[in-house]
């Protein structure tokens, strides 16, 4: 998993792999701590999917750039475009479905 500390690094990451999962956390966020390894395990099982993490405290401009209002937030990008997001209480089944459909999104 990649960890980012600048908005430019986040932009570069999103454009690089076919499917990118960006995990946004906040300091002192218990839900963030619990969800991060769960999301990482899902992503690790998939080919062509990369995961990156960023703390909103380290890159505050991310909140306005991607309209992240709460943490954790998981944003899924296919071909550099956002195709799914979940925030605070992330529905893991919906995330898995979004990742499964990302390949179809890239074929369009």
N, C-alpha and C. Protein backbone atom coordinates (compact mmCIF):
# COMPACT_ATOMS: atom_id res chain seq x y z
N UNK A 1 0.84 -1.18 0.00
CA UNK A 1 0.00 0.00 0.00
C UNK A 1 0.89 1.24 0.00
N UNK A 2 0.52 2.18 -0.83
CA UNK A 2 1.25 3.44 -0.91
C UNK A 2 0.64 4.42 0.09
N UNK A 3 1.48 5.26 0.69
CA UNK A 3 1.01 6.32 1.59
C UNK A 3 1.47 7.64 0.99
N UNK A 4 0.55 8.61 0.98
CA UNK A 4 0.83 9.88 0.31
C UNK A 4 0.80 11.03 1.30
N UNK A 5 1.64 12.05 0.98
CA UNK A 5 1.65 13.24 1.83
C UNK A 5 1.52 14.53 1.03
N UNK A 6 1.23 14.40 -0.28
CA UNK A 6 0.95 15.58 -1.10
C UNK A 6 -0.22 15.28 -2.04
N UNK A 7 -0.91 16.32 -2.44
CA UNK A 7 -2.04 16.15 -3.35
C UNK A 7 -1.54 15.71 -4.73
N UNK A 8 -0.36 16.17 -5.14
CA UNK A 8 0.19 15.76 -6.43
C UNK A 8 0.49 14.27 -6.47
N UNK A 9 0.96 13.73 -5.36
CA UNK A 9 1.22 12.28 -5.29
C UNK A 9 -0.09 11.50 -5.41
N UNK A 10 -1.15 12.02 -4.81
CA UNK A 10 -2.47 11.37 -4.92
C UNK A 10 -2.93 11.40 -6.37
N UNK A 11 -2.83 12.56 -7.03
CA UNK A 11 -3.23 12.67 -8.43
C UNK A 11 -2.48 11.67 -9.30
N UNK A 12 -1.18 11.56 -9.10
CA UNK A 12 -0.36 10.64 -9.89
C UNK A 12 -0.78 9.19 -9.64
N UNK A 13 -1.05 8.86 -8.39
CA UNK A 13 -1.46 7.49 -8.05
C UNK A 13 -2.77 7.13 -8.73
N UNK A 14 -3.72 8.02 -8.70
CA UNK A 14 -5.05 7.74 -9.27
C UNK A 14 -4.96 7.45 -10.76
N UNK A 15 -4.06 8.10 -11.45
CA UNK A 15 -3.93 7.92 -12.90
C UNK A 15 -3.12 6.68 -13.29
N UNK A 16 -2.35 6.12 -12.38
CA UNK A 16 -1.40 5.07 -12.74
C UNK A 16 -2.03 3.69 -12.96
N UNK A 17 -2.61 3.05 -11.95
CA UNK A 17 -3.11 1.69 -12.17
C UNK A 17 -4.47 1.71 -12.88
N UNK A 18 -4.86 0.59 -13.47
CA UNK A 18 -6.19 0.53 -14.07
C UNK A 18 -7.29 0.84 -13.05
N UNK A 19 -7.16 0.30 -11.85
CA UNK A 19 -8.12 0.55 -10.78
C UNK A 19 -7.34 0.96 -9.53
N UNK A 20 -7.71 2.11 -8.98
CA UNK A 20 -7.04 2.64 -7.79
C UNK A 20 -8.07 2.82 -6.67
N UNK A 21 -7.69 2.39 -5.48
CA UNK A 21 -8.51 2.57 -4.29
C UNK A 21 -7.77 3.54 -3.38
N UNK A 22 -8.41 4.65 -3.07
CA UNK A 22 -7.81 5.65 -2.19
C UNK A 22 -8.52 5.61 -0.85
N UNK A 23 -7.75 5.34 0.19
CA UNK A 23 -8.28 5.26 1.55
C UNK A 23 -7.92 6.55 2.28
N UNK A 24 -8.92 7.31 2.69
CA UNK A 24 -8.72 8.58 3.36
C UNK A 24 -9.08 8.42 4.83
N UNK A 25 -8.12 8.75 5.69
CA UNK A 25 -8.34 8.62 7.13
C UNK A 25 -8.13 9.96 7.82
N UNK A 26 -8.42 9.97 9.10
CA UNK A 26 -8.23 11.16 9.93
C UNK A 26 -7.55 10.73 11.22
N UNK A 27 -6.82 11.64 11.85
CA UNK A 27 -6.19 11.30 13.13
C UNK A 27 -7.24 11.00 14.20
N UNK A 28 -6.91 10.11 15.08
CA UNK A 28 -7.79 9.75 16.20
C UNK A 28 -9.14 9.21 15.75
N UNK A 29 -9.17 8.54 14.63
CA UNK A 29 -10.40 7.98 14.08
C UNK A 29 -10.39 6.47 14.29
N UNK A 30 -11.19 6.01 15.22
CA UNK A 30 -11.24 4.58 15.52
C UNK A 30 -11.75 3.75 14.36
N UNK A 31 -12.77 4.23 13.67
CA UNK A 31 -13.32 3.51 12.52
C UNK A 31 -12.26 3.39 11.43
N UNK A 32 -11.47 4.46 11.24
CA UNK A 32 -10.39 4.44 10.24
C UNK A 32 -9.41 3.32 10.52
N UNK A 33 -9.05 3.17 11.76
CA UNK A 33 -8.08 2.15 12.17
C UNK A 33 -8.61 0.75 11.93
N UNK A 34 -9.89 0.55 12.17
CA UNK A 34 -10.48 -0.78 12.01
C UNK A 34 -10.70 -1.13 10.55
N UNK A 35 -11.13 -0.17 9.75
CA UNK A 35 -11.50 -0.45 8.36
C UNK A 35 -10.31 -0.60 7.42
N UNK A 36 -9.22 0.09 7.69
CA UNK A 36 -8.09 0.09 6.76
C UNK A 36 -7.57 -1.32 6.45
N UNK A 37 -7.31 -2.17 7.46
CA UNK A 37 -6.82 -3.51 7.11
C UNK A 37 -7.88 -4.36 6.40
N UNK A 38 -9.15 -4.14 6.68
CA UNK A 38 -10.21 -4.89 6.00
C UNK A 38 -10.23 -4.53 4.52
N UNK A 39 -10.14 -3.25 4.22
CA UNK A 39 -10.14 -2.80 2.83
C UNK A 39 -8.87 -3.31 2.14
N UNK A 40 -7.74 -3.23 2.82
CA UNK A 40 -6.47 -3.69 2.24
C UNK A 40 -6.53 -5.17 1.88
N UNK A 41 -7.14 -5.99 2.72
CA UNK A 41 -7.25 -7.43 2.42
C UNK A 41 -8.06 -7.65 1.15
N UNK A 42 -9.13 -6.92 0.98
CA UNK A 42 -9.97 -7.06 -0.22
C UNK A 42 -9.16 -6.70 -1.46
N UNK A 43 -8.48 -5.57 -1.40
CA UNK A 43 -7.70 -5.09 -2.55
C UNK A 43 -6.54 -6.03 -2.86
N UNK A 44 -5.89 -6.56 -1.85
CA UNK A 44 -4.75 -7.46 -2.05
C UNK A 44 -5.12 -8.71 -2.83
N UNK A 45 -6.38 -9.12 -2.78
CA UNK A 45 -6.82 -10.32 -3.47
C UNK A 45 -7.10 -10.10 -4.95
N UNK A 46 -7.04 -8.85 -5.39
CA UNK A 46 -7.42 -8.53 -6.77
C UNK A 46 -6.21 -8.13 -7.61
N UNK A 47 -6.17 -8.62 -8.83
CA UNK A 47 -5.13 -8.23 -9.77
C UNK A 47 -5.51 -6.91 -10.43
N UNK A 48 -4.53 -6.07 -10.67
CA UNK A 48 -4.77 -4.82 -11.37
C UNK A 48 -5.38 -3.72 -10.51
N UNK A 49 -5.48 -3.97 -9.21
CA UNK A 49 -6.04 -2.97 -8.30
C UNK A 49 -4.96 -2.57 -7.31
N UNK A 50 -4.74 -1.27 -7.18
CA UNK A 50 -3.75 -0.74 -6.23
C UNK A 50 -4.46 0.09 -5.17
N UNK A 51 -3.89 0.09 -3.98
CA UNK A 51 -4.47 0.86 -2.89
C UNK A 51 -3.46 1.87 -2.38
N UNK A 52 -3.96 3.05 -2.11
CA UNK A 52 -3.16 4.10 -1.52
C UNK A 52 -3.89 4.67 -0.33
N UNK A 53 -3.14 5.23 0.61
CA UNK A 53 -3.73 5.80 1.82
C UNK A 53 -3.22 7.21 2.02
N UNK A 54 -4.08 8.03 2.57
CA UNK A 54 -3.72 9.41 2.86
C UNK A 54 -4.49 9.87 4.09
N UNK A 55 -3.81 10.63 4.93
CA UNK A 55 -4.46 11.22 6.08
C UNK A 55 -4.90 12.62 5.71
N UNK A 56 -6.12 12.94 6.02
CA UNK A 56 -6.66 14.26 5.72
C UNK A 56 -5.89 15.33 6.48
N UNK A 57 -5.25 14.97 7.57
CA UNK A 57 -4.43 15.92 8.33
C UNK A 57 -3.15 16.25 7.58
N UNK A 58 -2.61 15.29 6.83
CA UNK A 58 -1.38 15.51 6.06
C UNK A 58 -1.63 16.25 4.75
N UNK A 59 -2.81 16.01 4.16
CA UNK A 59 -3.15 16.63 2.87
C UNK A 59 -4.56 17.24 2.99
N UNK A 60 -4.69 18.35 3.68
CA UNK A 60 -6.02 18.93 3.89
C UNK A 60 -6.72 19.36 2.60
N UNK A 61 -5.96 19.68 1.56
CA UNK A 61 -6.57 20.08 0.29
C UNK A 61 -7.35 18.94 -0.37
N UNK A 62 -7.07 17.71 0.04
CA UNK A 62 -7.79 16.56 -0.49
C UNK A 62 -9.28 16.64 -0.18
N UNK A 63 -9.61 17.17 0.99
CA UNK A 63 -11.02 17.27 1.40
C UNK A 63 -11.82 18.11 0.41
N UNK A 64 -11.28 19.23 0.00
CA UNK A 64 -12.02 20.07 -0.94
C UNK A 64 -11.92 19.53 -2.36
N UNK A 65 -10.79 18.97 -2.73
CA UNK A 65 -10.61 18.45 -4.09
C UNK A 65 -11.58 17.31 -4.39
N UNK A 66 -11.79 16.42 -3.42
CA UNK A 66 -12.63 15.25 -3.62
C UNK A 66 -13.91 15.26 -2.78
N UNK A 67 -14.21 16.38 -2.16
CA UNK A 67 -15.43 16.53 -1.36
C UNK A 67 -15.56 15.44 -0.30
N UNK A 68 -14.48 15.23 0.41
CA UNK A 68 -14.47 14.26 1.50
C UNK A 68 -14.89 15.00 2.76
N UNK A 69 -16.04 14.64 3.30
CA UNK A 69 -16.60 15.34 4.45
C UNK A 69 -16.46 14.58 5.75
N UNK A 70 -16.14 13.30 5.66
CA UNK A 70 -16.00 12.48 6.86
C UNK A 70 -14.97 11.38 6.59
N UNK A 71 -14.48 10.81 7.66
CA UNK A 71 -13.48 9.75 7.52
C UNK A 71 -13.94 8.53 8.32
N UNK A 72 -13.57 7.35 7.88
CA UNK A 72 -12.81 7.10 6.68
C UNK A 72 -13.66 7.28 5.43
N UNK A 73 -12.97 7.48 4.33
CA UNK A 73 -13.61 7.51 3.02
C UNK A 73 -12.80 6.61 2.10
N UNK A 74 -13.50 5.88 1.28
CA UNK A 74 -12.86 5.02 0.29
C UNK A 74 -13.36 5.47 -1.07
N UNK A 75 -12.44 5.84 -1.93
CA UNK A 75 -12.77 6.28 -3.27
C UNK A 75 -12.15 5.30 -4.26
N UNK A 76 -12.95 4.82 -5.20
CA UNK A 76 -12.49 3.87 -6.20
C UNK A 76 -12.45 4.59 -7.55
N UNK A 77 -11.30 4.49 -8.22
CA UNK A 77 -11.10 5.12 -9.51
C UNK A 77 -10.79 4.04 -10.55
N UNK A 78 -11.41 4.15 -11.71
CA UNK A 78 -11.11 3.26 -12.84
C UNK A 78 -10.73 4.15 -14.01
N UNK A 79 -9.56 3.94 -14.55
CA UNK A 79 -9.10 4.78 -15.64
C UNK A 79 -8.98 6.24 -15.24
N UNK A 80 -8.69 6.50 -13.97
CA UNK A 80 -8.53 7.86 -13.47
C UNK A 80 -9.81 8.57 -13.11
N UNK A 81 -10.96 7.91 -13.27
CA UNK A 81 -12.25 8.53 -12.97
C UNK A 81 -12.89 7.84 -11.77
N UNK A 82 -13.47 8.63 -10.89
CA UNK A 82 -14.12 8.07 -9.71
C UNK A 82 -15.38 7.32 -10.12
N UNK A 83 -15.48 6.07 -9.66
CA UNK A 83 -16.67 5.26 -10.00
C UNK A 83 -17.47 4.85 -8.77
N UNK A 84 -16.86 4.99 -7.57
CA UNK A 84 -17.57 4.59 -6.35
C UNK A 84 -16.92 5.27 -5.16
N UNK A 85 -17.73 5.53 -4.13
CA UNK A 85 -17.17 6.01 -2.87
C UNK A 85 -18.06 5.55 -1.72
N UNK A 86 -17.39 5.35 -0.61
CA UNK A 86 -18.07 5.03 0.65
C UNK A 86 -17.42 5.85 1.74
N UNK A 87 -18.20 6.20 2.74
CA UNK A 87 -17.64 7.03 3.81
C UNK A 87 -18.24 6.64 5.14
N UNK A 88 -17.48 6.85 6.18
CA UNK A 88 -17.78 6.61 7.60
C UNK A 88 -18.04 5.13 7.86
N UNK A 89 -19.20 4.64 7.53
CA UNK A 89 -19.51 3.22 7.70
C UNK A 89 -19.54 2.59 6.32
N UNK A 90 -18.43 2.05 5.93
CA UNK A 90 -18.24 1.58 4.56
C UNK A 90 -18.86 0.19 4.40
N UNK A 91 -19.72 0.08 3.40
CA UNK A 91 -20.36 -1.19 3.08
C UNK A 91 -19.37 -2.02 2.25
N UNK A 92 -18.77 -3.00 2.88
CA UNK A 92 -17.72 -3.80 2.24
C UNK A 92 -18.27 -4.56 1.04
N UNK A 93 -19.49 -5.04 1.11
CA UNK A 93 -20.08 -5.76 -0.02
C UNK A 93 -20.24 -4.84 -1.23
N UNK A 94 -20.67 -3.60 -1.00
CA UNK A 94 -20.79 -2.65 -2.10
C UNK A 94 -19.42 -2.34 -2.70
N UNK A 95 -18.41 -2.22 -1.85
CA UNK A 95 -17.05 -2.00 -2.34
C UNK A 95 -16.60 -3.15 -3.22
N UNK A 96 -16.83 -4.38 -2.77
CA UNK A 96 -16.44 -5.55 -3.55
C UNK A 96 -17.16 -5.56 -4.90
N UNK A 97 -18.45 -5.20 -4.92
CA UNK A 97 -19.20 -5.13 -6.18
C UNK A 97 -18.63 -4.06 -7.10
N UNK A 98 -18.27 -2.91 -6.53
CA UNK A 98 -17.70 -1.82 -7.33
C UNK A 98 -16.38 -2.25 -7.94
N UNK A 99 -15.56 -2.94 -7.18
CA UNK A 99 -14.28 -3.41 -7.70
C UNK A 99 -14.47 -4.46 -8.79
N UNK A 100 -15.47 -5.31 -8.62
CA UNK A 100 -15.76 -6.33 -9.62
C UNK A 100 -16.26 -5.69 -10.92
N UNK A 101 -17.02 -4.62 -10.80
CA UNK A 101 -17.55 -3.96 -12.00
C UNK A 101 -16.57 -2.98 -12.61
N UNK A 102 -15.47 -2.67 -11.94
CA UNK A 102 -14.50 -1.71 -12.46
C UNK A 102 -13.94 -2.17 -13.80
N UNK A 103 -13.73 -3.45 -13.96
CA UNK A 103 -13.21 -3.96 -15.22
C UNK A 103 -14.20 -3.69 -16.34
N UNK A 104 -15.49 -3.86 -16.06
CA UNK A 104 -16.51 -3.57 -17.07
C UNK A 104 -16.52 -2.09 -17.42
N UNK A 105 -16.31 -1.26 -16.42
CA UNK A 105 -16.28 0.19 -16.63
C UNK A 105 -15.13 0.56 -17.57
N UNK A 106 -14.01 -0.08 -17.43
CA UNK A 106 -12.86 0.22 -18.27
C UNK A 106 -13.07 -0.22 -19.72
N UNK A 107 -13.94 -1.20 -19.95
CA UNK A 107 -14.19 -1.71 -21.30
C UNK A 107 -15.11 -0.78 -22.09
N UNK A 108 -15.85 0.08 -21.41
CA UNK A 108 -16.78 0.98 -22.10
C UNK A 108 -16.07 2.05 -22.88
